[in-house]
C-alpha atoms as a PDB file:
ATOM      1  CA  MET A   1      -2.450  24.120   5.742  1.00  0.00           C
ATOM      2  CA  SER A   2      -0.254  27.117   5.007  1.00  0.00           C
ATOM      3  CA  GLY A   3       0.808  29.118   1.984  1.00  0.00           C
ATOM      4  CA  GLY A   4      -1.901  30.121  -0.430  1.00  0.00           C
ATOM      5  CA  LEU A   5      -3.687  29.401  -3.684  1.00  0.00           C
ATOM      6  CA  SER A   6      -5.172  31.314  -6.582  1.00  0.00           C
ATOM      7  CA  ILE A   7      -7.620  29.952  -9.163  1.00  0.00           C
ATOM      8  CA  SER A   8      -8.854  32.021 -12.108  1.00  0.00           C
ATOM      9  CA  ASP A   9     -10.088  31.447 -15.655  1.00  0.00           C
ATOM     10  CA  GLU A  10      -6.512  31.787 -16.899  1.00  0.00           C
ATOM     11  CA  HIS A  11      -4.313  30.052 -14.355  1.00  0.00           C
ATOM     12  CA  TYR A  12      -3.891  28.001 -11.178  1.00  0.00           C
ATOM     13  CA  ALA A  13      -1.155  28.784  -8.666  1.00  0.00           C
ATOM     14  CA  VAL A  14      -0.131  27.708  -5.179  1.00  0.00           C
ATOM     15  CA  LYS A  15       2.105  29.538  -2.719  1.00  0.00           C
ATOM     16  CA  VAL A  16       4.791  27.437  -1.044  1.00  0.00           C
ATOM     17  CA  ASP A  17       7.526  28.850   1.230  1.00  0.00           C
ATOM     18  CA  GLY A  18       6.626  32.380   0.158  1.00  0.00           C
ATOM     19  CA  ALA A  19       6.887  31.731  -3.597  1.00  0.00           C
ATOM     20  CA  TRP A  20       4.027  31.309  -6.067  1.00  0.00           C
ATOM     21  CA  ASN A  21       4.134  28.239  -8.324  1.00  0.00           C
ATOM     22  CA  ASP A  22       2.071  28.236 -11.510  1.00  0.00           C
ATOM     23  CA  LEU A  23       0.270  24.926 -12.132  1.00  0.00           C
ATOM     24  CA  THR A  24      -1.306  26.028 -15.409  1.00  0.00           C
ATOM     25  CA  ASP A  25       1.370  24.440 -17.591  1.00  0.00           C
ATOM     26  CA  GLY A  26       1.663  20.677 -17.790  1.00  0.00           C
ATOM     27  CA  ARG A  27       4.226  18.908 -15.612  1.00  0.00           C
ATOM     28  CA  SER A  28       4.686  15.616 -13.795  1.00  0.00           C
ATOM     29  CA  GLY A  29       4.104  15.075 -10.095  1.00  0.00           C
ATOM     30  CA  TRP A  30       3.610  12.633  -7.273  1.00  0.00           C
ATOM     31  CA  LEU A  31       1.003  13.436  -4.653  1.00  0.00           C
ATOM     32  CA  ARG A  32       1.939  11.176  -1.763  1.00  0.00           C
ATOM     33  CA  ARG A  33      -0.612  12.658   0.619  1.00  0.00           C
ATOM     34  CA  LEU A  34      -2.893  15.691   0.495  1.00  0.00           C
ATOM     35  CA  HIS A  35      -2.037  16.498   4.114  1.00  0.00           C
ATOM     36  CA  ARG A  36      -0.204  15.144   7.156  1.00  0.00           C
ATOM     37  CA  ALA A  37      -1.709  12.159   8.954  1.00  0.00           C
ATOM     38  CA  ASP A  38      -2.464  14.317  12.010  1.00  0.00           C
ATOM     39  CA  TRP A  39      -4.018  17.153   9.994  1.00  0.00           C
ATOM     40  CA  GLY A  40      -7.311  18.233  11.552  1.00  0.00           C
ATOM     41  CA  LEU A  41      -6.943  16.007  14.618  1.00  0.00           C
ATOM     42  CA  GLY A  42      -8.359  17.603  17.753  1.00  0.00           C
ATOM     43  CA  ILE A  43     -10.255  20.327  15.879  1.00  0.00           C
ATOM     44  CA  GLU A  44     -13.757  20.778  17.273  1.00  0.00           C
ATOM     45  CA  ALA A  45     -16.474  19.976  14.732  1.00  0.00           C
ATOM     46  CA  GLY A  46     -18.467  23.083  13.843  1.00  0.00           C
ATOM     47  CA  SER A  47     -15.721  25.469  14.978  1.00  0.00           C
ATOM     48  CA  LEU A  48     -14.325  28.308  12.875  1.00  0.00           C
ATOM     49  CA  ARG A  49     -11.047  26.404  12.484  1.00  0.00           C
ATOM     50  CA  ALA A  50     -12.915  23.332  11.226  1.00  0.00           C
ATOM     51  CA  LEU A  51     -14.641  25.550   8.647  1.00  0.00           C
ATOM     52  CA  GLU A  52     -11.292  26.997   7.538  1.00  0.00           C
ATOM     53  CA  LEU A  53      -9.680  23.575   7.185  1.00  0.00           C
ATOM     54  CA  GLY A  54     -12.666  22.238   5.267  1.00  0.00           C
ATOM     55  CA  THR A  55     -12.453  25.168   2.864  1.00  0.00           C
ATOM     56  CA  TRP A  56      -8.741  24.603   2.277  1.00  0.00           C
ATOM     57  CA  HIS A  57      -9.373  20.904   1.664  1.00  0.00           C
ATOM     58  CA  SER A  58     -12.162  21.550  -0.852  1.00  0.00           C
ATOM     59  CA  ALA A  59     -10.197  24.145  -2.814  1.00  0.00           C
ATOM     60  CA  TYR A  60      -6.928  22.221  -2.891  1.00  0.00           C
ATOM     61  CA  SER A  61      -8.671  18.955  -3.801  1.00  0.00           C
ATOM     62  CA  TRP A  62     -10.387  20.563  -6.775  1.00  0.00           C
ATOM     63  CA  LEU A  63      -7.217  22.338  -7.913  1.00  0.00           C
ATOM     64  CA  LEU A  64      -5.190  19.122  -7.833  1.00  0.00           C
ATOM     65  CA  ASP A  65      -7.902  17.175  -9.666  1.00  0.00           C
ATOM     66  CA  ASP A  66      -8.206  19.778 -12.437  1.00  0.00           C
ATOM     67  CA  SER A  67      -4.552  20.786 -12.840  1.00  0.00           C
ATOM     68  CA  LYS A  68      -2.525  19.739 -15.884  1.00  0.00           C
ATOM     69  CA  VAL A  69      -0.148  17.672 -13.795  1.00  0.00           C
ATOM     70  CA  SER A  70       0.658  14.173 -15.032  1.00  0.00           C
ATOM     71  CA  TRP A  71       0.362  12.382 -11.695  1.00  0.00           C
ATOM     72  CA  ILE A  72       1.980   9.061 -10.785  1.00  0.00           C
ATOM     73  CA  THR A  73      -1.395   8.414  -9.138  1.00  0.00           C
ATOM     74  CA  GLY A  74      -4.250  10.826  -9.805  1.00  0.00           C
ATOM     75  CA  PRO A  75      -5.643  12.597  -6.703  1.00  0.00           C
ATOM     76  CA  ALA A  76      -9.207  11.316  -7.184  1.00  0.00           C
ATOM     77  CA  VAL A  77      -7.912   7.779  -7.745  1.00  0.00           C
ATOM     78  CA  LEU A  78      -5.721   8.094  -4.649  1.00  0.00           C
ATOM     79  CA  ARG A  79      -8.640   9.113  -2.444  1.00  0.00           C
ATOM     80  CA  ARG A  80     -10.768   6.186  -3.613  1.00  0.00           C
ATOM     81  CA  ALA A  81      -7.959   3.640  -3.348  1.00  0.00           C
ATOM     82  CA  GLU A  82      -7.320   4.631   0.278  1.00  0.00           C
ATOM     83  CA  SER A  83     -10.687   3.061   1.142  1.00  0.00           C
ATOM     84  CA  LYS A  84     -10.220  -0.374   2.690  1.00  0.00           C
ATOM     85  CA  LEU A  85     -13.681  -1.265   1.382  1.00  0.00           C
ATOM     86  CA  TRP A  86     -12.638  -0.557  -2.217  1.00  0.00           C
ATOM     87  CA  GLN A  87      -9.510  -2.673  -1.661  1.00  0.00           C
ATOM     88  CA  TRP A  88     -11.521  -5.554  -0.209  1.00  0.00           C
ATOM     89  CA  LYS A  89     -14.041  -5.634  -3.054  1.00  0.00           C
ATOM     90  CA  ALA A  90     -11.324  -5.265  -5.704  1.00  0.00           C
ATOM     91  CA  ALA A  91      -9.355  -8.180  -4.242  1.00  0.00           C
ATOM     92  CA  VAL A  92     -12.428 -10.419  -4.193  1.00  0.00           C
ATOM     93  CA  ARG A  93     -13.366  -9.451  -7.752  1.00  0.00           C
ATOM     94  CA  LEU A  94      -9.823 -10.099  -9.004  1.00  0.00           C
ATOM     95  CA  GLY A  95      -9.544 -13.452  -7.225  1.00  0.00           C
ATOM     96  CA  ILE A  96      -6.687 -12.273  -5.007  1.00  0.00           C
ATOM     97  CA  PRO A  97      -6.581 -14.227  -1.705  1.00  0.00           C
ATOM     98  CA  TYR A  98      -8.040 -11.995   1.013  1.00  0.00           C
ATOM     99  CA  PRO A  99      -9.257 -12.755   4.552  1.00  0.00           C
ATOM    100  CA  ARG A 100     -12.984 -13.381   4.974  1.00  0.00           C
ATOM    101  CA  THR A 101     -14.288  -9.942   5.926  1.00  0.00           C
ATOM    102  CA  LEU A 102     -17.249  -8.350   7.673  1.00  0.00           C
ATOM    103  CA  VAL A 103     -17.879  -4.622   8.156  1.00  0.00           C
ATOM    104  CA  THR A 104     -20.449  -4.163  10.882  1.00  0.00           C
ATOM    105  CA  THR A 105     -21.814  -2.348  13.909  1.00  0.00           C
ATOM    106  CA  SER A 106     -23.332  -5.571  15.264  1.00  0.00           C
ATOM    107  CA  SER A 107     -21.639  -7.786  17.850  1.00  0.00           C
ATOM    108  CA  ASP A 108     -24.257 -10.441  17.056  1.00  0.00           C
ATOM    109  CA  ALA A 109     -23.161 -10.435  13.407  1.00  0.00           C
ATOM    110  CA  VAL A 110     -19.572 -11.069  14.498  1.00  0.00           C
ATOM    111  CA  ALA A 111     -20.587 -13.946  16.779  1.00  0.00           C
ATOM    112  CA  THR A 112     -22.656 -15.631  14.074  1.00  0.00           C
ATOM    113  CA  SER A 113     -20.145 -15.044  11.246  1.00  0.00           C
ATOM    114  CA  PHE A 114     -16.962 -16.259  12.929  1.00  0.00           C
ATOM    115  CA  SER A 115     -16.025 -19.068  15.295  1.00  0.00           C
ATOM    116  CA  ASN A 116     -12.245 -18.616  15.465  1.00  0.00           C
ATOM    117  CA  GLU A 117     -10.009 -15.650  16.272  1.00  0.00           C
ATOM    118  CA  VAL A 118     -10.549 -12.499  14.226  1.00  0.00           C
ATOM    119  CA  ILE A 119      -8.661  -9.279  13.534  1.00  0.00           C
ATOM    120  CA  VAL A 120     -10.443  -5.959  14.131  1.00  0.00           C
ATOM    121  CA  LYS A 121      -9.292  -2.748  12.461  1.00  0.00           C
ATOM    122  CA  PRO A 122     -10.762   0.673  11.668  1.00  0.00           C
ATOM    123  CA  VAL A 123     -12.610   1.439   8.446  1.00  0.00           C
ATOM    124  CA  GLY A 124     -11.196   4.967   8.255  1.00  0.00           C
ATOM    125  CA  THR A 125      -8.423   6.854   9.974  1.00  0.00           C
ATOM    126  CA  GLY A 126      -6.536   5.018  12.676  1.00  0.00           C
ATOM    127  CA  GLN A 127      -5.654   8.064  14.774  1.00  0.00           C
ATOM    128  CA  PHE A 128      -7.471  10.166  17.365  1.00  0.00           C
ATOM    129  CA  ILE A 129      -6.724  12.601  20.192  1.00  0.00           C
ATOM    130  CA  GLN A 130      -7.138  11.532  23.823  1.00  0.00           C
ATOM    131  CA  ASP A 131      -6.069  13.743  26.744  1.00  0.00           C
ATOM    132  CA  GLY A 132      -3.978  15.809  24.350  1.00  0.00           C
ATOM    133  CA  GLU A 133      -2.065  12.792  23.036  1.00  0.00           C
ATOM    134  CA  THR A 134      -2.273  11.341  19.519  1.00  0.00           C
ATOM    135  CA  MET A 135      -3.374   7.706  19.745  1.00  0.00           C
ATOM    136  CA  THR A 136      -3.082   5.024  17.045  1.00  0.00           C
ATOM    137  CA  VAL A 137      -5.655   2.267  16.532  1.00  0.00           C
ATOM    138  CA  TYR A 138      -3.774  -0.901  15.593  1.00  0.00           C
ATOM    139  CA  ALA A 139      -5.192  -4.125  14.179  1.00  0.00           C
ATOM    140  CA  GLU A 140      -6.371  -6.035  17.253  1.00  0.00           C
ATOM    141  CA  PRO A 141      -6.917  -9.805  17.630  1.00  0.00           C
ATOM    142  CA  MET A 142     -10.123 -10.853  19.427  1.00  0.00           C
ATOM    143  CA  MET A 143     -12.370 -13.857  19.835  1.00  0.00           C
ATOM    144  CA  PRO A 144     -15.887 -13.453  18.368  1.00  0.00           C
ATOM    145  CA  ALA A 145     -17.475 -13.525  21.841  1.00  0.00           C
ATOM    146  CA  ASP A 146     -15.207 -10.763  23.212  1.00  0.00           C
ATOM    147  CA  THR A 147     -17.271  -8.292  25.261  1.00  0.00           C
ATOM    148  CA  ARG A 148     -15.442  -5.381  23.612  1.00  0.00           C
ATOM    149  CA  PHE A 149     -17.547  -5.972  20.512  1.00  0.00           C
ATOM    150  CA  SER A 150     -20.435  -4.337  22.395  1.00  0.00           C
ATOM    151  CA  ALA A 151     -18.785  -1.001  21.531  1.00  0.00           C
ATOM    152  CA  LEU A 152     -19.297  -1.621  17.805  1.00  0.00           C
ATOM    153  CA  ASN A 153     -22.590   0.274  17.815  1.00  0.00           C
ATOM    154  CA  ALA A 154     -20.577   3.517  18.068  1.00  0.00           C
ATOM    155  CA  ALA A 155     -18.996   3.051  14.618  1.00  0.00           C
ATOM    156  CA  PRO A 156     -18.537   0.283  12.038  1.00  0.00           C
ATOM    157  CA  PHE A 157     -15.268  -1.649  12.126  1.00  0.00           C
ATOM    158  CA  ILE A 158     -13.634  -4.177   9.823  1.00  0.00           C
ATOM    159  CA  VAL A 159     -13.652  -7.704  11.247  1.00  0.00           C
ATOM    160  CA  GLN A 160     -11.580 -10.347   9.441  1.00  0.00           C
ATOM    161  CA  GLU A 161     -10.652 -13.956  10.006  1.00  0.00           C
ATOM    162  CA  ARG A 162      -7.138 -14.108  11.417  1.00  0.00           C
ATOM    163  CA  ILE A 163      -4.756 -15.682   8.930  1.00  0.00           C
ATOM    164  CA  PRO A 164      -1.959 -17.668  10.640  1.00  0.00           C
ATOM    165  CA  ALA A 165       1.264 -15.885   9.732  1.00  0.00           C
ATOM    166  CA  ALA A 166       4.743 -17.282   9.242  1.00  0.00           C
ATOM    167  CA  LYS A 167       5.931 -14.125   7.491  1.00  0.00           C
ATOM    168  CA  HIS A 168       4.760 -10.570   6.916  1.00  0.00           C
ATOM    169  CA  LEU A 169       5.450  -9.266   3.418  1.00  0.00           C
ATOM    170  CA  ARG A 170       5.770  -5.638   2.358  1.00  0.00           C
ATOM    171  CA  VAL A 171       5.357  -5.492  -1.419  1.00  0.00           C
ATOM    172  CA  VAL A 172       6.063  -2.187  -3.171  1.00  0.00           C
ATOM    173  CA  THR A 173       4.885  -1.473  -6.719  1.00  0.00           C
ATOM    174  CA  VAL A 174       5.944   1.323  -9.061  1.00  0.00           C
ATOM    175  CA  GLY A 175       4.293   1.169 -12.460  1.00  0.00           C
ATOM    176  CA  ASP A 176       4.746  -2.402 -13.689  1.00  0.00           C
ATOM    177  CA  ARG A 177       7.625  -3.204 -11.313  1.00  0.00           C
ATOM    178  CA  SER A 178       7.496  -4.758  -7.848  1.00  0.00           C
ATOM    179  CA  TRP A 179       9.789  -5.489  -4.895  1.00  0.00           C
ATOM    180  CA  ALA A 180       9.107  -7.639  -1.842  1.00  0.00           C
ATOM    181  CA  ALA A 181      10.581  -7.780   1.656  1.00  0.00           C
ATOM    182  CA  THR A 182       9.743 -10.258   4.413  1.00  0.00           C
ATOM    183  CA  LEU A 183       9.578 -10.233   8.195  1.00  0.00           C
ATOM    184  CA  ASP A 184       9.659 -13.518  10.096  1.00  0.00           C
ATOM    185  CA  VAL A 185       6.886 -13.988  12.674  1.00  0.00           C
ATOM    186  CA  ASP A 186       7.607 -15.586  16.049  1.00  0.00           C
ATOM    187  CA  SER A 187       5.156 -16.951  18.614  1.00  0.00           C
ATOM    188  CA  THR A 188       5.111 -13.689  20.595  1.00  0.00           C
ATOM    189  CA  ALA A 189       4.677 -11.381  17.600  1.00  0.00           C
ATOM    190  CA  PRO A 190       1.758  -8.919  17.697  1.00  0.00           C
ATOM    191  CA  ALA A 191      -0.917  -9.213  15.019  1.00  0.00           C
ATOM    192  CA  ASP A 192       0.057  -5.736  13.761  1.00  0.00           C
ATOM    193  CA  TRP A 193       3.810  -5.746  13.089  1.00  0.00           C
ATOM    194  CA  ARG A 194       3.971  -1.937  13.503  1.00  0.00           C
ATOM    195  CA  ARG A 195       3.508  -2.343  17.265  1.00  0.00           C
ATOM    196  CA  ARG A 196       7.154  -3.409  17.551  1.00  0.00           C
ATOM    197  CA  SER A 197       9.419  -0.513  16.628  1.00  0.00           C
ATOM    198  CA  CYS A 198      12.315  -2.903  15.955  1.00  0.00           C
ATOM    199  CA  ASN A 199      10.342  -4.488  13.106  1.00  0.00           C
ATOM    200  CA  HIS A 200      10.891  -1.430  10.921  1.00  0.00           C
ATOM    201  CA  SER A 201      14.562  -2.410  10.608  1.00  0.00           C
ATOM    202  CA  ALA A 202      14.039  -6.185  10.541  1.00  0.00           C
ATOM    203  CA  PHE A 203      12.632  -6.722   7.027  1.00  0.00           C
ATOM    204  CA  THR A 204      14.879  -8.579   4.581  1.00  0.00           C
ATOM    205  CA  GLU A 205      14.677  -8.547   0.811  1.00  0.00           C
ATOM    206  CA  ALA A 206      12.776 -11.536  -0.579  1.00  0.00           C
ATOM    207  CA  HIS A 207      14.706 -13.585  -3.118  1.00  0.00           C
ATOM    208  CA  ASP A 208      12.287 -16.532  -3.371  1.00  0.00           C
ATOM    209  CA  GLY A 209      10.470 -16.126  -6.669  1.00  0.00           C
ATOM    210  CA  SER A 210       7.840 -18.737  -5.803  1.00  0.00           C
ATOM    211  CA  SER A 211       5.535 -16.302  -3.948  1.00  0.00           C
ATOM    212  CA  THR A 212       2.533 -15.020  -5.884  1.00  0.00           C
ATOM    213  CA  ALA A 213       2.346 -11.848  -3.774  1.00  0.00           C
ATOM    214  CA  PRO A 214       4.288  -9.570  -6.195  1.00  0.00           C
ATOM    215  CA  THR A 215       2.067 -10.608  -9.112  1.00  0.00           C
ATOM    216  CA  GLY A 216      -1.082 -10.090  -7.051  1.00  0.00           C
ATOM    217  CA  ALA A 217       0.241  -6.746  -5.836  1.00  0.00           C
ATOM    218  CA  LEU A 218       0.758  -5.525  -9.396  1.00  0.00           C
ATOM    219  CA  THR A 219      -2.688  -6.779 -10.395  1.00  0.00           C
ATOM    220  CA  ILE A 220      -4.581  -4.902  -7.694  1.00  0.00           C
ATOM    221  CA  ALA A 221      -2.402  -1.788  -8.041  1.00  0.00           C
ATOM    222  CA  ALA A 222      -3.236  -1.636 -11.747  1.00  0.00           C
ATOM    223  CA  ASP A 223      -6.935  -2.247 -11.072  1.00  0.00           C
ATOM    224  CA  LEU A 224      -7.043   0.579  -8.519  1.00  0.00           C
ATOM    225  CA  GLY A 225      -5.103   2.877 -10.868  1.00  0.00           C
ATOM    226  CA  LEU A 226      -2.094   3.223  -8.562  1.00  0.00           C
ATOM    227  CA  GLY A 227       1.244   4.207 -10.072  1.00  0.00           C
ATOM    228  CA  TYR A 228       2.758   3.537  -6.642  1.00  0.00           C
ATOM    229  CA  SER A 229       1.651   1.326  -3.767  1.00  0.00           C
ATOM    230  CA  SER A 230       3.114  -0.202  -0.616  1.00  0.00           C
ATOM    231  CA  GLN A 231       1.141  -3.303   0.323  1.00  0.00           C
ATOM    232  CA  ASP A 232       0.918  -5.566   3.358  1.00  0.00           C
ATOM    233  CA  TRP A 233       0.611  -9.296   2.704  1.00  0.00           C
ATOM    234  CA  VAL A 234       0.961 -12.314   4.975  1.00  0.00           C
ATOM    235  CA  GLN A 235       2.356 -15.783   4.254  1.00  0.00           C
ATOM    236  CA  THR A 236       0.998 -18.802   6.122  1.00  0.00           C
ATOM    237  CA  PRO A 237       3.134 -21.714   7.379  1.00  0.00           C
ATOM    238  CA  ASP A 238       1.887 -23.646   4.318  1.00  0.00           C
ATOM    239  CA  GLY A 239       3.223 -20.976   1.957  1.00  0.00           C
ATOM    240  CA  GLU A 240      -0.118 -19.420   0.968  1.00  0.00           C
ATOM    241  CA  VAL A 241      -0.189 -15.624   0.689  1.00  0.00           C
ATOM    242  CA  PHE A 242      -3.038 -13.246   1.510  1.00  0.00           C
ATOM    243  CA  LEU A 243      -3.407  -9.531   0.860  1.00  0.00           C
ATOM    244  CA  LEU A 244      -4.151  -7.516   4.007  1.00  0.00           C
ATOM    245  CA  ASP A 245      -3.863  -3.839   3.023  1.00  0.00           C
ATOM    246  CA  VAL A 246      -3.021  -1.638   0.059  1.00  0.00           C
ATOM    247  CA  ASN A 247      -1.295   1.582   1.105  1.00  0.00           C
ATOM    248  CA  PRO A 248      -1.460   3.989  -1.866  1.00  0.00           C
ATOM    249  CA  SER A 249       1.040   6.282  -0.127  1.00  0.00           C
ATOM    250  CA  GLY A 250       2.760   3.848   2.235  1.00  0.00           C
ATOM    251  CA  GLN A 251       6.355   3.998   3.424  1.00  0.00           C
ATOM    252  CA  TRP A 252       9.254   2.149   1.815  1.00  0.00           C
ATOM    253  CA  LEU A 253      12.513   3.715   3.042  1.00  0.00           C
ATOM    254  CA  PHE A 254      12.539   1.522   6.178  1.00  0.00           C
ATOM    255  CA  LEU A 255      13.007  -1.500   3.909  1.00  0.00           C
ATOM    256  CA  PRO A 256      16.466  -2.913   3.019  1.00  0.00           C
ATOM    257  CA  GLU A 257      18.682  -0.189   1.563  1.00  0.00           C
ATOM    258  CA  ARG A 258      19.153  -1.703  -1.891  1.00  0.00           C
ATOM    259  CA  MET A 259      15.419  -2.223  -2.268  1.00  0.00           C
ATOM    260  CA  GLY A 260      14.599   1.256  -0.974  1.00  0.00           C
ATOM    261  CA  LYS A 261      16.993   2.852  -3.441  1.00  0.00           C
ATOM    262  CA  ALA A 262      15.555   0.829  -6.329  1.00  0.00           C
ATOM    263  CA  VAL A 263      12.035   2.035  -5.469  1.00  0.00           C
ATOM    264  CA  THR A 264      13.238   5.642  -5.205  1.00  0.00           C
ATOM    265  CA  ASP A 265      14.993   5.409  -8.576  1.00  0.00           C
ATOM    266  CA  ALA A 266      11.889   3.894 -10.189  1.00  0.00           C
ATOM    267  CA  LEU A 267       9.730   6.751  -8.890  1.00  0.00           C
ATOM    268  CA  ALA A 268      12.237   9.274 -10.247  1.00  0.00           C
ATOM    269  CA  ASP A 269      12.227   7.508 -13.616  1.00  0.00           C
ATOM    270  CA  LEU A 270       8.424   7.764 -13.788  1.00  0.00           C
ATOM    271  CA  LEU A 271       8.528  11.478 -13.012  1.00  0.00           C
ATOM    272  CA  VAL A 272      11.206  12.146 -15.624  1.00  0.00           C
ATOM    273  CA  ALA A 273       9.414  10.061 -18.258  1.00  0.00           C
ATOM    274  CA  ALA A 274       6.222  12.074 -17.756  1.00  0.00           C
ATOM    275  CA  THR A 275       7.882  15.460 -18.371  1.00  0.00           C
END
């Protein structure tokens, strides 16, 4: 982090681009992320730099939580909603279709819980440093007997039944409004659509109102307290839809231009309404 901060009995202020900004007075705001995705990557645990970054994180987190900003999504709510475990349990509780899920460090548990292909993805961050290069952990398809599951004892992972996909859906919610875009799935498509860079420009706006995904997306966004969300859903060949991930700060500008502009305008409207 850079800049600065000052917290006293009378005021809160942060320094950005050389100028101090007083956060004591009420205002509206949207905290998309507390820091960049690669923030802290490669820093040695226990080092002086790790201590400095941890101190910045603690101070900024408290300041944002306690400030008089009317947030689109509150910082504490945002941090909790980023947990895939919270999303999983909320979906089950709300009756939203969600893949059968196991979080485990046991390869035996995987073998006894599933018989067909599964999807494996990280519980926490999906990035790490290897040989000086930032690596991304994508959702990976495996069979339950795959020998790679022997590495599970190093850290728990999410293991889910693989839902057969005819379409990927990106559903964006802002307040009580939603928009959906779809991506057709072919026989060679990877389980994680992000692995194909061309997919980011291949989504088309959904005009079929028969899908229940937008309604489900609004339901779980409201339950998690999210003023904004960008969610990944999948539609089976039979037309059923399943929630895969809720991204409290996910991207939307790669979606069709008209849809992206509508989302941007809706966010601006929320910010103006809160002032």
